Amino acid sequence: MPWYIWLLLAVVLGSIIGGLLMLRAGARKIPLTEEQKQRIAQRNAEADAEDARNR
């Protein structure tokens, strides 16, 4: 393959990897209160129970 194809491949792969790293660096955890965590756990338990009934 010609050299410019290799250069193009390197640029494309570099931009994909760089974009993924920037996305990971920009991600942050959502601060939740204990009440919110309990409500989420309750909804998950209800959804699991409903899934088990539907099987």
C-alpha atoms as a PDB file:
ATOM      1  CA  MET A   1       0.000   0.000   0.000  1.00  0.00           C
ATOM      2  CA  PRO A   2       1.159   3.534  -0.659  1.00  0.00           C
ATOM      3  CA  TRP A   3       2.450   5.647   2.227  1.00  0.00           C
ATOM      4  CA  TYR A   4      -0.512   8.016   2.160  1.00  0.00           C
ATOM      5  CA  ILE A   5      -2.937   5.150   2.858  1.00  0.00           C
ATOM      6  CA  TRP A   6      -0.947   4.290   5.980  1.00  0.00           C
ATOM      7  CA  LEU A   7      -1.023   7.956   6.987  1.00  0.00           C
ATOM      8  CA  LEU A   8      -4.778   8.092   6.459  1.00  0.00           C
ATOM      9  CA  LEU A   9      -5.259   4.927   8.532  1.00  0.00           C
ATOM     10  CA  ALA A  10      -3.151   6.383  11.338  1.00  0.00           C
ATOM     11  CA  VAL A  11      -5.151   9.623  11.322  1.00  0.00           C
ATOM     12  CA  VAL A  12      -8.488   7.795  11.354  1.00  0.00           C
ATOM     13  CA  LEU A  13      -7.475   5.424  14.154  1.00  0.00           C
ATOM     14  CA  GLY A  14      -5.961   8.294  16.124  1.00  0.00           C
ATOM     15  CA  SER A  15      -9.113  10.367  15.850  1.00  0.00           C
ATOM     16  CA  ILE A  16     -11.298   7.432  16.941  1.00  0.00           C
ATOM     17  CA  ILE A  17      -9.108   6.618  19.930  1.00  0.00           C
ATOM     18  CA  GLY A  18      -8.759  10.294  20.833  1.00  0.00           C
ATOM     19  CA  GLY A  19     -12.513  10.791  20.679  1.00  0.00           C
ATOM     20  CA  LEU A  20     -13.122   7.802  22.934  1.00  0.00           C
ATOM     21  CA  LEU A  21     -10.544   9.021  25.441  1.00  0.00           C
ATOM     22  CA  MET A  22     -12.104  12.504  25.483  1.00  0.00           C
ATOM     23  CA  LEU A  23     -15.542  10.961  26.011  1.00  0.00           C
ATOM     24  CA  ARG A  24     -14.230   8.900  28.922  1.00  0.00           C
ATOM     25  CA  ALA A  25     -12.485  11.912  30.468  1.00  0.00           C
ATOM     26  CA  GLY A  26     -15.641  14.002  30.233  1.00  0.00           C
ATOM     27  CA  ALA A  27     -17.842  11.416  31.928  1.00  0.00           C
ATOM     28  CA  ARG A  28     -18.632  12.132  35.535  1.00  0.00           C
ATOM     29  CA  LYS A  29     -20.591  10.404  38.228  1.00  0.00           C
ATOM     30  CA  ILE A  30     -24.003  11.747  39.106  1.00  0.00           C
ATOM     31  CA  PRO A  31     -24.241  12.630  42.785  1.00  0.00           C
ATOM     32  CA  LEU A  32     -27.310  10.895  44.214  1.00  0.00           C
ATOM     33  CA  THR A  33     -28.817  11.165  47.653  1.00  0.00           C
ATOM     34  CA  GLU A  34     -29.514   8.038  49.670  1.00  0.00           C
ATOM     35  CA  GLU A  35     -33.244   8.458  49.023  1.00  0.00           C
ATOM     36  CA  GLN A  36     -32.675   8.525  45.273  1.00  0.00           C
ATOM     37  CA  LYS A  37     -30.483   5.422  45.471  1.00  0.00           C
ATOM     38  CA  GLN A  38     -33.197   3.609  47.436  1.00  0.00           C
ATOM     39  CA  ARG A  39     -35.867   4.572  44.890  1.00  0.00           C
ATOM     40  CA  ILE A  40     -33.678   3.327  42.041  1.00  0.00           C
ATOM     41  CA  ALA A  41     -33.063   0.023  43.846  1.00  0.00           C
ATOM     42  CA  GLN A  42     -36.805  -0.334  44.476  1.00  0.00           C
ATOM     43  CA  ARG A  43     -37.655   0.312  40.807  1.00  0.00           C
ATOM     44  CA  ASN A  44     -35.019  -2.202  39.727  1.00  0.00           C
ATOM     45  CA  ALA A  45     -36.440  -4.820  42.094  1.00  0.00           C
ATOM     46  CA  GLU A  46     -39.968  -4.170  40.792  1.00  0.00           C
ATOM     47  CA  ALA A  47     -38.797  -4.453  37.190  1.00  0.00           C
ATOM     48  CA  ASP A  48     -36.960  -7.706  37.950  1.00  0.00           C
ATOM     49  CA  ALA A  49     -40.055  -9.132  39.632  1.00  0.00           C
ATOM     50  CA  GLU A  50     -42.231  -8.164  36.659  1.00  0.00           C
ATOM     51  CA  ASP A  51     -39.743  -9.723  34.244  1.00  0.00           C
ATOM     52  CA  ALA A  52     -39.764 -12.932  36.278  1.00  0.00           C
ATOM     53  CA  ARG A  53     -43.594 -13.025  36.138  1.00  0.00           C
ATOM     54  CA  ASN A  54     -43.633 -12.502  32.373  1.00  0.00           C
ATOM     55  CA  ARG A  55     -41.296 -15.432  31.657  1.00  0.00           C
END
